[in-house]
PDB file of N, CA and C in Angstrom:
ATOM      1  N   MET A   1     118.457  67.207  89.463  1.00  0.00           N
ATOM      2  CA  MET A   1     119.672  67.791  89.006  1.00  0.00           C
ATOM      3  C   MET A   1     120.580  66.456  88.632  1.00  0.00           C
ATOM      4  N   THR A   2     121.031  66.245  87.379  1.00  0.00           N
ATOM      5  CA  THR A   2     121.461  64.814  87.106  1.00  0.00           C
ATOM      6  C   THR A   2     122.799  64.703  87.283  1.00  0.00           C
ATOM      7  N   SER A   3     123.578  65.750  87.233  1.00  0.00           N
ATOM      8  CA  SER A   3     124.962  65.911  87.224  1.00  0.00           C
ATOM      9  C   SER A   3     125.421  65.257  88.788  1.00  0.00           C
ATOM     10  N   ARG A   4     124.814  65.379  89.649  1.00  0.00           N
ATOM     11  CA  ARG A   4     125.370  64.752  90.948  1.00  0.00           C
ATOM     12  C   ARG A   4     125.358  63.060  90.676  1.00  0.00           C
ATOM     13  N   TYR A   5     124.763  62.722  89.463  1.00  0.00           N
ATOM     14  CA  TYR A   5     124.503  60.734  89.529  1.00  0.00           C
ATOM     15  C   TYR A   5     126.025  60.718  88.525  1.00  0.00           C
ATOM     16  N   THR A   6     126.218  59.536  88.416  1.00  0.00           N
ATOM     17  CA  THR A   6     127.224  58.500  87.715  1.00  0.00           C
ATOM     18  C   THR A   6     126.780  57.369  87.329  1.00  0.00           C
ATOM     19  N   SER A   7     127.129  57.120  86.253  1.00  0.00           N
ATOM     20  CA  SER A   7     127.242  55.762  85.945  1.00  0.00           C
ATOM     21  C   SER A   7     125.446  55.198  85.735  1.00  0.00           C
ATOM     22  N   TRP A   8     124.820  56.072  84.864  1.00  0.00           N
ATOM     23  CA  TRP A   8     123.407  55.871  84.220  1.00  0.00           C
ATOM     24  C   TRP A   8     123.411  54.194  83.963  1.00  0.00           C
ATOM     25  N   ARG A   9     122.522  53.412  84.075  1.00  0.00           N
ATOM     26  CA  ARG A   9     122.656  52.284  83.646  1.00  0.00           C
ATOM     27  C   ARG A   9     120.966  52.057  83.458  1.00  0.00           C
ATOM     28  N   LYS A  10     120.494  50.962  82.428  1.00  0.00           N
ATOM     29  CA  LYS A  10     119.228  50.513  82.268  1.00  0.00           C
ATOM     30  C   LYS A  10     119.161  49.017  82.223  1.00  0.00           C
ATOM     31  N   SER A  11     118.220  48.444  82.065  1.00  0.00           N
ATOM     32  CA  SER A  11     118.123  47.153  82.097  1.00  0.00           C
ATOM     33  C   SER A  11     118.356  46.419  80.816  1.00  0.00           C
ATOM     34  N   THR A  12     119.156  45.507  80.719  1.00  0.00           N
ATOM     35  CA  THR A  12     119.546  44.926  79.650  1.00  0.00           C
ATOM     36  C   THR A  12     118.310  44.361  78.825  1.00  0.00           C
ATOM     37  N   ARG A  13     117.143  44.477  79.274  1.00  0.00           N
ATOM     38  CA  ARG A  13     116.134  43.531  78.648  1.00  0.00           C
ATOM     39  C   ARG A  13     115.288  44.937  77.636  1.00  0.00           C
ATOM     40  N   SER A  14     115.805  46.237  78.015  1.00  0.00           N
ATOM     41  CA  SER A  14     115.531  47.287  77.601  1.00  0.00           C
ATOM     42  C   SER A  14     116.102  47.525  75.998  1.00  0.00           C
ATOM     43  N   ASP A  15     115.116  47.392  75.109  1.00  0.00           N
ATOM     44  CA  ASP A  15     115.661  47.309  73.619  1.00  0.00           C
ATOM     45  C   ASP A  15     114.996  48.400  72.758  1.00  0.00           C
ATOM     46  N   ASP A  16     113.532  48.656  73.165  1.00  0.00           N
ATOM     47  CA  ASP A  16     112.805  49.721  72.514  1.00  0.00           C
ATOM     48  C   ASP A  16     112.651  51.195  72.629  1.00  0.00           C
ATOM     49  N   GLY A  17     113.776  51.551  73.750  1.00  0.00           N
ATOM     50  CA  GLY A  17     113.994  52.825  73.966  1.00  0.00           C
ATOM     51  C   GLY A  17     112.938  53.404  74.759  1.00  0.00           C
ATOM     52  N   ASN A  18     111.587  52.641  75.256  1.00  0.00           N
ATOM     53  CA  ASN A  18     110.762  53.122  76.453  1.00  0.00           C
ATOM     54  C   ASN A  18     111.455  52.572  77.945  1.00  0.00           C
ATOM     55  N   CYS A  19     112.613  53.405  78.102  1.00  0.00           N
ATOM     56  CA  CYS A  19     113.282  52.717  79.724  1.00  0.00           C
ATOM     57  C   CYS A  19     113.196  53.899  80.521  1.00  0.00           C
ATOM     58  N   VAL A  20     113.605  53.487  81.487  1.00  0.00           N
ATOM     59  CA  VAL A  20     114.225  54.531  82.524  1.00  0.00           C
ATOM     60  C   VAL A  20     115.433  54.045  82.807  1.00  0.00           C
ATOM     61  N   GLU A  21     116.213  54.798  83.350  1.00  0.00           N
ATOM     62  CA  GLU A  21     117.816  54.710  83.997  1.00  0.00           C
ATOM     63  C   GLU A  21     117.931  54.827  85.338  1.00  0.00           C
ATOM     64  N   VAL A  22     118.531  54.435  85.798  1.00  0.00           N
ATOM     65  CA  VAL A  22     119.118  54.363  87.332  1.00  0.00           C
ATOM     66  C   VAL A  22     120.558  54.743  87.675  1.00  0.00           C
ATOM     67  N   ALA A  23     120.481  55.710  88.533  1.00  0.00           N
ATOM     68  CA  ALA A  23     122.267  55.628  88.865  1.00  0.00           C
ATOM     69  C   ALA A  23     122.019  56.187  90.428  1.00  0.00           C
ATOM     70  N   ASN A  24     123.180  55.913  91.035  1.00  0.00           N
ATOM     71  CA  ASN A  24     123.461  56.353  92.739  1.00  0.00           C
ATOM     72  C   ASN A  24     124.071  57.842  92.568  1.00  0.00           C
ATOM     73  N   ALA A  25     124.141  58.466  93.385  1.00  0.00           N
ATOM     74  CA  ALA A  25     124.746  59.580  94.156  1.00  0.00           C
ATOM     75  C   ALA A  25     125.808  59.193  95.107  1.00  0.00           C
ATOM     76  N   VAL A  26     126.716  59.885  95.321  1.00  0.00           N
ATOM     77  CA  VAL A  26     127.644  59.410  96.392  1.00  0.00           C
ATOM     78  C   VAL A  26     127.220  59.422  97.891  1.00  0.00           C
ATOM     79  N   ASP A  27     126.063  60.030  98.183  1.00  0.00           N
ATOM     80  CA  ASP A  27     125.496  60.198  99.160  1.00  0.00           C
ATOM     81  C   ASP A  27     124.507  59.173  99.354  1.00  0.00           C
ATOM     82  N   GLY A  28     124.343  58.061  98.290  1.00  0.00           N
ATOM     83  CA  GLY A  28     123.474  57.041  98.127  1.00  0.00           C
ATOM     84  C   GLY A  28     121.957  57.222  97.563  1.00  0.00           C
ATOM     85  N   THR A  29     121.826  58.361  97.323  1.00  0.00           N
ATOM     86  CA  THR A  29     120.274  58.605  96.982  1.00  0.00           C
ATOM     87  C   THR A  29     120.230  57.924  95.590  1.00  0.00           C
ATOM     88  N   VAL A  30     119.136  57.208  95.182  1.00  0.00           N
ATOM     89  CA  VAL A  30     118.960  56.721  93.808  1.00  0.00           C
ATOM     90  C   VAL A  30     118.229  57.650  93.303  1.00  0.00           C
ATOM     91  N   GLY A  31     118.752  57.879  91.845  1.00  0.00           N
ATOM     92  CA  GLY A  31     118.149  58.871  90.766  1.00  0.00           C
ATOM     93  C   GLY A  31     117.354  57.881  89.308  1.00  0.00           C
ATOM     94  N   VAL A  32     116.538  58.201  89.300  1.00  0.00           N
ATOM     95  CA  VAL A  32     115.505  57.656  88.451  1.00  0.00           C
ATOM     96  C   VAL A  32     115.011  58.659  87.157  1.00  0.00           C
ATOM     97  N   ARG A  33     115.508  58.398  85.624  1.00  0.00           N
ATOM     98  CA  ARG A  33     115.152  59.368  84.839  1.00  0.00           C
ATOM     99  C   ARG A  33     114.504  58.633  83.218  1.00  0.00           C
ATOM    100  N   ASP A  34     114.094  58.973  82.679  1.00  0.00           N
ATOM    101  CA  ASP A  34     113.616  58.946  81.354  1.00  0.00           C
ATOM    102  C   ASP A  34     114.583  58.592  80.416  1.00  0.00           C
ATOM    103  N   SER A  35     115.097  57.555  80.000  1.00  0.00           N
ATOM    104  CA  SER A  35     116.422  57.092  79.168  1.00  0.00           C
ATOM    105  C   SER A  35     116.341  57.934  77.946  1.00  0.00           C
ATOM    106  N   LYS A  36     115.252  58.578  77.445  1.00  0.00           N
ATOM    107  CA  LYS A  36     114.915  59.050  76.084  1.00  0.00           C
ATOM    108  C   LYS A  36     115.437  60.595  76.475  1.00  0.00           C
ATOM    109  N   ASP A  37     115.417  61.302  77.698  1.00  0.00           N
ATOM    110  CA  ASP A  37     115.374  62.680  78.006  1.00  0.00           C
ATOM    111  C   ASP A  37     116.447  62.810  79.431  1.00  0.00           C
ATOM    112  N   ALA A  38     117.703  62.597  78.927  1.00  0.00           N
ATOM    113  CA  ALA A  38     118.980  62.521  79.761  1.00  0.00           C
ATOM    114  C   ALA A  38     119.143  63.580  80.518  1.00  0.00           C
ATOM    115  N   THR A  39     118.475  64.949  79.810  1.00  0.00           N
ATOM    116  CA  THR A  39     118.457  66.136  80.366  1.00  0.00           C
ATOM    117  C   THR A  39     117.491  66.641  81.441  1.00  0.00           C
ATOM    118  N   GLY A  40     116.398  65.820  81.066  1.00  0.00           N
ATOM    119  CA  GLY A  40     114.856  66.342  81.852  1.00  0.00           C
ATOM    120  C   GLY A  40     115.048  65.957  83.593  1.00  0.00           C
ATOM    121  N   PRO A  41     114.066  65.733  83.836  1.00  0.00           N
ATOM    122  CA  PRO A  41     114.069  65.722  85.352  1.00  0.00           C
ATOM    123  C   PRO A  41     114.552  64.082  86.187  1.00  0.00           C
ATOM    124  N   THR A  42     114.829  64.063  87.080  1.00  0.00           N
ATOM    125  CA  THR A  42     115.309  63.122  87.732  1.00  0.00           C
ATOM    126  C   THR A  42     114.265  62.932  89.076  1.00  0.00           C
ATOM    127  N   LEU A  43     113.831  61.758  89.349  1.00  0.00           N
ATOM    128  CA  LEU A  43     112.911  61.150  90.272  1.00  0.00           C
ATOM    129  C   LEU A  43     114.466  60.843  91.494  1.00  0.00           C
ATOM    130  N   GLU A  44     114.420  61.129  92.835  1.00  0.00           N
ATOM    131  CA  GLU A  44     115.421  60.693  93.423  1.00  0.00           C
ATOM    132  C   GLU A  44     114.507  60.326  94.702  1.00  0.00           C
ATOM    133  N   PHE A  45     115.275  58.884  95.364  1.00  0.00           N
ATOM    134  CA  PHE A  45     114.606  58.145  96.181  1.00  0.00           C
ATOM    135  C   PHE A  45     115.991  57.632  97.255  1.00  0.00           C
ATOM    136  N   ARG A  46     115.487  57.463  98.446  1.00  0.00           N
ATOM    137  CA  ARG A  46     116.209  57.202  99.623  1.00  0.00           C
ATOM    138  C   ARG A  46     116.307  55.825  99.335  1.00  0.00           C
ATOM    139  N   PRO A  47     117.889  55.327  99.582  1.00  0.00           N
ATOM    140  CA  PRO A  47     118.388  54.103  99.112  1.00  0.00           C
ATOM    141  C   PRO A  47     117.324  52.957  99.873  1.00  0.00           C
ATOM    142  N   ALA A  48     116.847  52.762 101.075  1.00  0.00           N
ATOM    143  CA  ALA A  48     115.666  52.068 101.719  1.00  0.00           C
ATOM    144  C   ALA A  48     114.592  51.859 100.978  1.00  0.00           C
ATOM    145  N   THR A  49     113.997  53.212 100.239  1.00  0.00           N
ATOM    146  CA  THR A  49     112.755  53.357  99.544  1.00  0.00           C
ATOM    147  C   THR A  49     112.717  52.519  98.269  1.00  0.00           C
ATOM    148  N   TRP A  50     114.270  52.635  97.745  1.00  0.00           N
ATOM    149  CA  TRP A  50     114.143  51.895  96.286  1.00  0.00           C
ATOM    150  C   TRP A  50     114.431  50.701  96.680  1.00  0.00           C
ATOM    151  N   SER A  51     115.278  50.367  97.599  1.00  0.00           N
ATOM    152  CA  SER A  51     115.447  48.839  97.809  1.00  0.00           C
ATOM    153  C   SER A  51     113.929  48.052  98.240  1.00  0.00           C
ATOM    154  N   ALA A  52     113.181  48.811  98.629  1.00  0.00           N
ATOM    155  CA  ALA A  52     112.027  47.898  99.065  1.00  0.00           C
ATOM    156  C   ALA A  52     110.928  47.892  97.917  1.00  0.00           C
ATOM    157  N   PHE A  53     111.173  48.997  96.758  1.00  0.00           N
ATOM    158  CA  PHE A  53     110.500  48.857  95.797  1.00  0.00           C
ATOM    159  C   PHE A  53     110.693  47.761  94.692  1.00  0.00           C
ATOM    160  N   THR A  54     112.436  47.966  94.583  1.00  0.00           N
ATOM    161  CA  THR A  54     112.804  46.834  93.617  1.00  0.00           C
ATOM    162  C   THR A  54     112.611  45.379  94.310  1.00  0.00           C
ATOM    163  N   SER A  55     112.206  45.052  95.608  1.00  0.00           N
ATOM    164  CA  SER A  55     111.946  43.826  96.079  1.00  0.00           C
ATOM    165  C   SER A  55     110.576  43.557  95.719  1.00  0.00           C
ATOM    166  N   GLY A  56     109.826  44.750  95.714  1.00  0.00           N
ATOM    167  CA  GLY A  56     108.731  44.347  95.497  1.00  0.00           C
ATOM    168  C   GLY A  56     108.309  43.714  94.306  1.00  0.00           C
ATOM    169  N   LEU A  57     109.025  44.440  92.999  1.00  0.00           N
ATOM    170  CA  LEU A  57     108.916  44.329  91.824  1.00  0.00           C
ATOM    171  C   LEU A  57     109.540  42.567  91.598  1.00  0.00           C
ATOM    172  N   ARG A  58     110.471  42.214  92.212  1.00  0.00           N
ATOM    173  CA  ARG A  58     110.999  41.010  92.050  1.00  0.00           C
ATOM    174  C   ARG A  58     110.225  40.058  92.286  1.00  0.00           C
ATOM    175  N   ALA A  59     109.287  40.451  93.760  1.00  0.00           N
ATOM    176  CA  ALA A  59     108.415  39.523  94.328  1.00  0.00           C
ATOM    177  C   ALA A  59     106.919  39.176  93.806  1.00  0.00           C
ATOM    178  N   GLY A  60     106.892  39.982  92.597  1.00  0.00           N
ATOM    179  CA  GLY A  60     105.652  40.142  91.856  1.00  0.00           C
ATOM    180  C   GLY A  60     104.590  41.202  92.618  1.00  0.00           C
ATOM    181  N   LYS A  61     104.851  42.061  93.458  1.00  0.00           N
ATOM    182  CA  LYS A  61     103.621  42.665  94.223  1.00  0.00           C
ATOM    183  C   LYS A  61     102.873  43.761  93.377  1.00  0.00           C
ATOM    184  N   PHE A  62     103.811  44.042  92.105  1.00  0.00           N
ATOM    185  CA  PHE A  62     103.127  45.229  91.189  1.00  0.00           C
ATOM    186  C   PHE A  62     102.702  44.526  89.890  1.00  0.00           C
ATOM    187  N   SER A  63     102.529  43.239  89.992  1.00  0.00           N
ATOM    188  CA  SER A  63     101.932  42.653  88.468  1.00  0.00           C
ATOM    189  C   SER A  63     100.367  42.761  88.523  1.00  0.00           C
ATOM    190  N   LEU A  64     100.204  42.982  87.047  1.00  0.00           N
ATOM    191  CA  LEU A  64      98.682  43.007  87.141  1.00  0.00           C
ATOM    192  C   LEU A  64      97.872  41.730  86.835  1.00  0.00           C
TER     193      LEU A  64
END
């Protein structure tokens, strides 16, 4: 349910439309959705889980 989230945002590096958007709920839950389908499903993550994931991205842990 996307209505519990406000201020959806996507990377400033996203310019071709193939993006995800991220937003926070009041309780801290992080929502992630496909930017091309704003009414579609939303993945939900606990704040600590999302932080660990984004830290891993920045550290290059998921690079091919």
